[in-house]
């Protein structure tokens, strides 16, 4: 129902508000507009209250918007650190597995070499 206001129109007037397009707004028109504004404001306030529930309450008993943002920054930093640790541990485990496989392979090759020298 919202429309761009024409600069030539009365500030309270929208093209679909009034029954008599040539008249100035009546008290009924102003009342209807006030009711509409009240209803819209109630919706905005309700949405704001719902959104505020997503934030922790600070020591002033109000939503802590900045603290919420700082928590997200801290979580991202923690995630980066955790990812780094996971990468390091994975590299170390893979290194140990490769070292164990090389050790077994070398051990088997030495056993085979020793067996071949026994037959000479």
N, C-alpha and C. Protein backbone atom coordinates (compact mmCIF):
# COMPACT_ATOMS: atom_id res chain seq x y z
N UNK A 1 0.80 -1.18 0.00
CA UNK A 1 0.00 0.00 0.00
C UNK A 1 0.85 1.25 0.00
N UNK A 2 2.15 1.11 0.28
CA UNK A 2 3.00 2.30 0.28
C UNK A 2 3.34 2.70 -1.14
N UNK A 3 3.31 3.97 -1.37
CA UNK A 3 3.61 4.51 -2.69
C UNK A 3 4.52 5.71 -2.51
N UNK A 4 5.24 6.05 -3.57
CA UNK A 4 6.08 7.24 -3.53
C UNK A 4 5.16 8.45 -3.51
N UNK A 5 5.45 9.37 -2.60
CA UNK A 5 4.58 10.53 -2.44
C UNK A 5 4.89 11.57 -3.51
N UNK A 6 3.87 12.05 -4.15
CA UNK A 6 4.01 13.10 -5.14
C UNK A 6 4.19 14.41 -4.39
N UNK A 7 5.20 15.21 -4.79
CA UNK A 7 5.50 16.45 -4.07
C UNK A 7 4.36 17.46 -4.17
N UNK A 8 3.45 17.29 -5.12
CA UNK A 8 2.33 18.23 -5.26
C UNK A 8 1.16 17.85 -4.36
N UNK A 9 1.19 16.67 -3.77
CA UNK A 9 0.08 16.23 -2.94
C UNK A 9 0.26 16.72 -1.51
N UNK A 10 -0.84 16.70 -0.80
CA UNK A 10 -0.83 17.03 0.61
C UNK A 10 0.00 15.99 1.34
N UNK A 11 0.74 16.36 2.41
CA UNK A 11 1.61 15.39 3.09
C UNK A 11 0.89 14.15 3.62
N UNK A 12 -0.39 14.27 3.98
CA UNK A 12 -1.13 13.11 4.47
C UNK A 12 -1.77 12.31 3.36
N UNK A 13 -1.77 12.83 2.15
CA UNK A 13 -2.52 12.23 1.06
C UNK A 13 -1.66 11.23 0.29
N UNK A 14 -2.28 10.09 0.03
CA UNK A 14 -1.77 9.15 -0.95
C UNK A 14 -2.88 8.98 -1.95
N UNK A 15 -2.55 8.55 -3.11
CA UNK A 15 -3.54 8.53 -4.19
C UNK A 15 -4.75 7.65 -3.89
N UNK A 16 -4.60 6.63 -3.05
CA UNK A 16 -5.72 5.72 -2.79
C UNK A 16 -6.37 5.95 -1.42
N UNK A 17 -6.03 7.05 -0.74
CA UNK A 17 -6.52 7.27 0.62
C UNK A 17 -7.94 7.84 0.71
N UNK A 18 -8.34 8.66 -0.22
CA UNK A 18 -9.54 9.46 -0.02
C UNK A 18 -10.61 9.15 -1.05
N UNK A 19 -11.83 9.32 -0.60
CA UNK A 19 -12.95 9.07 -1.50
C UNK A 19 -13.12 10.22 -2.48
N UNK A 20 -12.97 11.43 -2.02
CA UNK A 20 -13.10 12.61 -2.87
C UNK A 20 -11.70 13.11 -3.18
N UNK A 21 -11.22 12.85 -4.40
CA UNK A 21 -9.83 13.12 -4.76
C UNK A 21 -9.49 14.61 -4.74
N UNK A 22 -10.44 15.49 -4.82
CA UNK A 22 -10.13 16.91 -4.85
C UNK A 22 -10.17 17.57 -3.50
N UNK A 23 -10.57 16.87 -2.45
CA UNK A 23 -10.73 17.51 -1.15
C UNK A 23 -9.49 17.34 -0.30
N UNK A 24 -9.41 18.13 0.75
CA UNK A 24 -8.33 17.98 1.72
C UNK A 24 -8.69 16.82 2.62
N UNK A 25 -7.72 16.25 3.31
CA UNK A 25 -8.02 15.11 4.17
C UNK A 25 -9.02 15.47 5.26
N UNK A 26 -9.92 14.55 5.51
CA UNK A 26 -10.89 14.75 6.57
C UNK A 26 -10.35 14.16 7.86
N UNK A 27 -11.06 14.38 8.95
CA UNK A 27 -10.66 13.82 10.23
C UNK A 27 -10.65 12.30 10.16
N UNK A 28 -11.63 11.74 9.43
CA UNK A 28 -11.70 10.29 9.28
C UNK A 28 -10.46 9.78 8.53
N UNK A 29 -10.05 10.52 7.48
CA UNK A 29 -8.86 10.13 6.72
C UNK A 29 -7.61 10.18 7.61
N UNK A 30 -7.49 11.24 8.39
CA UNK A 30 -6.35 11.38 9.29
C UNK A 30 -6.37 10.27 10.34
N UNK A 31 -7.58 9.95 10.85
CA UNK A 31 -7.71 8.88 11.83
C UNK A 31 -7.29 7.53 11.23
N UNK A 32 -7.75 7.24 10.02
CA UNK A 32 -7.38 5.98 9.36
C UNK A 32 -5.88 5.89 9.13
N UNK A 33 -5.28 7.02 8.75
CA UNK A 33 -3.83 7.05 8.54
C UNK A 33 -3.10 6.83 9.86
N UNK A 34 -3.59 7.44 10.93
CA UNK A 34 -2.97 7.26 12.25
C UNK A 34 -3.07 5.81 12.69
N UNK A 35 -4.21 5.17 12.43
CA UNK A 35 -4.38 3.74 12.77
C UNK A 35 -3.38 2.90 11.98
N UNK A 36 -3.24 3.20 10.70
CA UNK A 36 -2.30 2.45 9.86
C UNK A 36 -0.87 2.62 10.36
N UNK A 37 -0.51 3.84 10.70
CA UNK A 37 0.84 4.10 11.22
C UNK A 37 1.06 3.35 12.53
N UNK A 38 0.05 3.37 13.41
CA UNK A 38 0.15 2.65 14.68
C UNK A 38 0.36 1.16 14.45
N UNK A 39 -0.41 0.59 13.52
CA UNK A 39 -0.29 -0.85 13.24
C UNK A 39 1.08 -1.19 12.69
N UNK A 40 1.58 -0.36 11.80
CA UNK A 40 2.91 -0.61 11.23
C UNK A 40 3.99 -0.49 12.31
N UNK A 41 3.85 0.51 13.17
CA UNK A 41 4.82 0.70 14.24
C UNK A 41 4.80 -0.49 15.20
N UNK A 42 3.62 -1.01 15.50
CA UNK A 42 3.53 -2.20 16.35
C UNK A 42 4.25 -3.39 15.73
N UNK A 43 4.12 -3.55 14.41
CA UNK A 43 4.81 -4.65 13.72
C UNK A 43 6.32 -4.48 13.82
N UNK A 44 6.79 -3.25 13.60
CA UNK A 44 8.23 -2.99 13.67
C UNK A 44 8.74 -3.25 15.09
N UNK A 45 8.00 -2.77 16.09
CA UNK A 45 8.42 -3.00 17.48
C UNK A 45 8.43 -4.48 17.82
N UNK A 46 7.43 -5.22 17.35
CA UNK A 46 7.37 -6.66 17.61
C UNK A 46 8.56 -7.37 16.97
N UNK A 47 8.89 -7.00 15.74
CA UNK A 47 10.04 -7.62 15.06
C UNK A 47 11.33 -7.30 15.79
N UNK A 48 11.47 -6.06 16.24
CA UNK A 48 12.68 -5.65 16.95
C UNK A 48 12.82 -6.45 18.24
N UNK A 49 11.73 -6.65 18.96
CA UNK A 49 11.78 -7.43 20.20
C UNK A 49 12.15 -8.88 19.91
N UNK A 50 11.60 -9.45 18.82
CA UNK A 50 11.93 -10.82 18.45
C UNK A 50 13.41 -10.95 18.09
N UNK A 51 13.93 -9.98 17.35
CA UNK A 51 15.34 -10.02 16.96
C UNK A 51 16.25 -9.83 18.17
N UNK A 52 15.81 -9.03 19.13
CA UNK A 52 16.64 -8.79 20.31
C UNK A 52 16.82 -10.06 21.14
N UNK A 53 15.91 -11.02 21.01
CA UNK A 53 16.04 -12.26 21.78
C UNK A 53 17.22 -13.10 21.31
N UNK A 54 17.76 -12.81 20.14
CA UNK A 54 18.91 -13.56 19.64
C UNK A 54 20.21 -13.12 20.30
N UNK A 55 20.17 -12.04 21.07
CA UNK A 55 21.38 -11.48 21.65
C UNK A 55 21.40 -11.72 23.16
N UNK A 56 22.61 -11.92 23.71
CA UNK A 56 22.71 -12.08 25.17
C UNK A 56 22.37 -10.76 25.87
N UNK A 57 21.96 -10.86 27.10
CA UNK A 57 21.62 -9.68 27.89
C UNK A 57 22.87 -9.22 28.64
N UNK A 58 23.17 -7.93 28.57
CA UNK A 58 24.35 -7.40 29.26
C UNK A 58 24.00 -7.01 30.69
N UNK A 59 24.97 -6.39 31.39
CA UNK A 59 24.75 -6.02 32.79
C UNK A 59 23.74 -4.89 32.96
N UNK A 60 23.38 -4.21 31.89
CA UNK A 60 22.37 -3.16 31.94
C UNK A 60 20.98 -3.71 31.63
N UNK A 61 20.90 -5.04 31.49
CA UNK A 61 19.64 -5.73 31.19
C UNK A 61 19.07 -5.34 29.82
N UNK A 62 19.96 -5.10 28.87
CA UNK A 62 19.56 -4.80 27.49
C UNK A 62 20.32 -5.75 26.57
N UNK A 63 19.84 -5.96 25.35
CA UNK A 63 20.57 -6.84 24.42
C UNK A 63 21.98 -6.31 24.16
N UNK A 64 22.94 -7.20 24.21
CA UNK A 64 24.34 -6.83 24.03
C UNK A 64 24.75 -7.05 22.58
N UNK A 65 24.41 -6.09 21.72
CA UNK A 65 24.68 -6.21 20.29
C UNK A 65 26.17 -6.27 20.01
N UNK A 66 26.94 -5.39 20.65
CA UNK A 66 28.38 -5.36 20.41
C UNK A 66 29.04 -6.62 20.96
N UNK A 67 28.58 -7.07 22.13
CA UNK A 67 29.12 -8.31 22.69
C UNK A 67 28.84 -9.50 21.79
N UNK A 68 27.67 -9.50 21.16
CA UNK A 68 27.31 -10.57 20.23
C UNK A 68 28.28 -10.58 19.06
N UNK A 69 28.57 -9.39 18.53
CA UNK A 69 29.51 -9.29 17.42
C UNK A 69 30.90 -9.76 17.85
N UNK A 70 31.33 -9.33 19.04
CA UNK A 70 32.66 -9.73 19.54
C UNK A 70 32.73 -11.24 19.73
N UNK A 71 31.62 -11.84 20.18
CA UNK A 71 31.59 -13.30 20.32
C UNK A 71 31.80 -13.99 18.98
N UNK A 72 31.17 -13.46 17.94
CA UNK A 72 31.34 -14.05 16.61
C UNK A 72 32.77 -13.89 16.12
N UNK A 73 33.39 -12.74 16.37
CA UNK A 73 34.79 -12.55 15.98
C UNK A 73 35.68 -13.54 16.73
N UNK A 74 35.42 -13.69 18.04
CA UNK A 74 36.21 -14.64 18.84
C UNK A 74 36.01 -16.07 18.35
N UNK A 75 34.77 -16.42 17.99
CA UNK A 75 34.50 -17.77 17.47
C UNK A 75 35.25 -18.02 16.17
N UNK A 76 35.31 -16.99 15.30
CA UNK A 76 36.05 -17.17 14.04
C UNK A 76 37.54 -17.37 14.31
N UNK A 77 38.09 -16.61 15.24
CA UNK A 77 39.51 -16.77 15.58
C UNK A 77 39.76 -18.15 16.19
N UNK A 78 38.87 -18.58 17.04
CA UNK A 78 38.99 -19.90 17.65
C UNK A 78 38.91 -21.00 16.58
N UNK A 79 38.03 -20.81 15.62
CA UNK A 79 37.89 -21.79 14.53
C UNK A 79 39.16 -21.85 13.70
N UNK A 80 39.78 -20.68 13.44
CA UNK A 80 41.04 -20.67 12.68
C UNK A 80 42.12 -21.43 13.45
N UNK A 81 42.20 -21.18 14.75
CA UNK A 81 43.21 -21.85 15.58
C UNK A 81 42.96 -23.36 15.60
N UNK A 82 41.70 -23.74 15.79
CA UNK A 82 41.35 -25.16 15.82
C UNK A 82 41.67 -25.83 14.48
N UNK A 83 41.38 -25.15 13.38
CA UNK A 83 41.69 -25.68 12.06
C UNK A 83 43.20 -25.87 11.90
N UNK A 84 43.97 -24.91 12.41
CA UNK A 84 45.43 -25.03 12.36
C UNK A 84 45.91 -26.25 13.13
N UNK A 85 45.36 -26.45 14.33
CA UNK A 85 45.74 -27.62 15.13
C UNK A 85 45.36 -28.92 14.41
N UNK A 86 44.18 -28.95 13.84
CA UNK A 86 43.74 -30.16 13.12
C UNK A 86 44.68 -30.45 11.96
N UNK A 87 45.07 -29.40 11.24
CA UNK A 87 45.99 -29.58 10.10
C UNK A 87 47.33 -30.12 10.59
N UNK A 88 47.87 -29.54 11.67
CA UNK A 88 49.16 -29.99 12.19
C UNK A 88 49.10 -31.44 12.66
N UNK A 89 48.05 -31.80 13.38
CA UNK A 89 47.91 -33.17 13.87
C UNK A 89 47.78 -34.15 12.71
N UNK A 90 47.00 -33.76 11.70
CA UNK A 90 46.83 -34.63 10.53
C UNK A 90 48.16 -34.84 9.83
N UNK A 91 48.95 -33.79 9.68
CA UNK A 91 50.27 -33.92 9.05
C UNK A 91 51.17 -34.85 9.85
N UNK A 92 51.14 -34.71 11.18
CA UNK A 92 51.99 -35.56 12.02
C UNK A 92 51.57 -37.02 11.93
N UNK A 93 50.26 -37.27 11.95
CA UNK A 93 49.77 -38.65 11.84
C UNK A 93 50.16 -39.25 10.49
N UNK A 94 49.96 -38.50 9.43
CA UNK A 94 50.35 -39.01 8.10
C UNK A 94 51.85 -39.26 8.03
N UNK A 95 52.64 -38.38 8.63
CA UNK A 95 54.09 -38.58 8.65
C UNK A 95 54.46 -39.86 9.39
N UNK A 96 53.80 -40.13 10.52
CA UNK A 96 54.07 -41.36 11.27
C UNK A 96 53.66 -42.60 10.48
N UNK A 97 52.51 -42.52 9.80
CA UNK A 97 52.06 -43.66 8.99
C UNK A 97 53.06 -43.93 7.86
N UNK A 98 53.50 -42.88 7.18
CA UNK A 98 54.48 -43.05 6.09
C UNK A 98 55.78 -43.61 6.65
N UNK A 99 56.22 -43.09 7.80
CA UNK A 99 57.45 -43.58 8.41
C UNK A 99 57.32 -45.06 8.79
N UNK A 100 56.17 -45.44 9.35
CA UNK A 100 55.95 -46.84 9.71
C UNK A 100 55.96 -47.72 8.46
N UNK A 101 55.31 -47.28 7.39
CA UNK A 101 55.31 -48.06 6.15
C UNK A 101 56.71 -48.18 5.57
N UNK A 102 57.47 -47.10 5.60
CA UNK A 102 58.86 -47.17 5.12
C UNK A 102 59.69 -48.11 5.99
N UNK A 103 59.46 -48.05 7.30
CA UNK A 103 60.19 -48.94 8.21
C UNK A 103 59.87 -50.40 7.93
N UNK A 104 58.59 -50.71 7.73
CA UNK A 104 58.21 -52.10 7.42
C UNK A 104 58.78 -52.54 6.08
N UNK A 105 58.71 -51.64 5.11
CA UNK A 105 59.25 -51.98 3.80
C UNK A 105 60.76 -52.22 3.88
N UNK A 106 61.46 -51.34 4.57
CA UNK A 106 62.91 -51.48 4.70
C UNK A 106 63.25 -52.75 5.48
N UNK A 107 62.47 -53.04 6.52
CA UNK A 107 62.70 -54.26 7.32
C UNK A 107 62.51 -55.50 6.44
N UNK A 108 61.44 -55.50 5.65
CA UNK A 108 61.20 -56.64 4.75
C UNK A 108 62.31 -56.78 3.72
N UNK A 109 62.78 -55.64 3.19
CA UNK A 109 63.86 -55.70 2.20
C UNK A 109 65.16 -56.23 2.83
N UNK A 110 65.43 -55.82 4.06
CA UNK A 110 66.65 -56.29 4.73
C UNK A 110 66.55 -57.80 5.03
N UNK A 111 65.36 -58.24 5.44
CA UNK A 111 65.17 -59.68 5.68
C UNK A 111 65.37 -60.47 4.40
N UNK A 112 64.86 -59.97 3.31
CA UNK A 112 65.01 -60.67 2.03
C UNK A 112 66.47 -60.68 1.60
N UNK A 113 67.13 -59.58 1.80
CA UNK A 113 68.55 -59.49 1.45
C UNK A 113 69.36 -60.47 2.30
N UNK A 114 69.04 -60.54 3.61
CA UNK A 114 69.75 -61.47 4.51
C UNK A 114 69.48 -62.91 4.08
N UNK A 115 68.25 -63.23 3.66
CA UNK A 115 67.91 -64.57 3.21
C UNK A 115 68.70 -64.93 1.94
N UNK A 116 68.82 -63.95 1.07
CA UNK A 116 69.54 -64.22 -0.19
C UNK A 116 71.03 -64.43 0.05
N UNK A 117 71.61 -63.80 1.08
CA UNK A 117 73.04 -63.98 1.38
C UNK A 117 73.29 -65.32 2.08
N UNK A 118 72.27 -65.86 2.74
CA UNK A 118 72.43 -67.13 3.42
C UNK A 118 72.58 -68.26 2.39
N UNK A 119 71.98 -68.09 1.24
CA UNK A 119 72.02 -69.15 0.22
C UNK A 119 73.29 -69.10 -0.58
N UNK A 120 74.11 -68.15 -0.43
CA UNK A 120 75.36 -68.07 -1.18
C UNK A 120 76.46 -68.84 -0.58
